[in-house]
């Protein structure tokens, strides 16, 4: 119990080592929304276009990761 009370943010990081790849999803969504908010002329376009660009970014990250893994497996 005292360990929880003694938690100091920015000094003792949260143990998210096993989950850090999943943090890319909300980051991608946030970046997509901000980008499309700046670029779209009409507000009703933002959700659909932000979802499309977020999906493209996530699929691209998966593709690049698979490509790097493939090259690694071929070379090692």
Foldseek 3Di string as FASTA:
>chain_A
DVVVVPDDPPVDDDPCVVPVVVVVLVVLLVVLLVVLVVVDPDPVCRPVRSVVSSVVVVVVVVVVVVVVVVVVVVVD
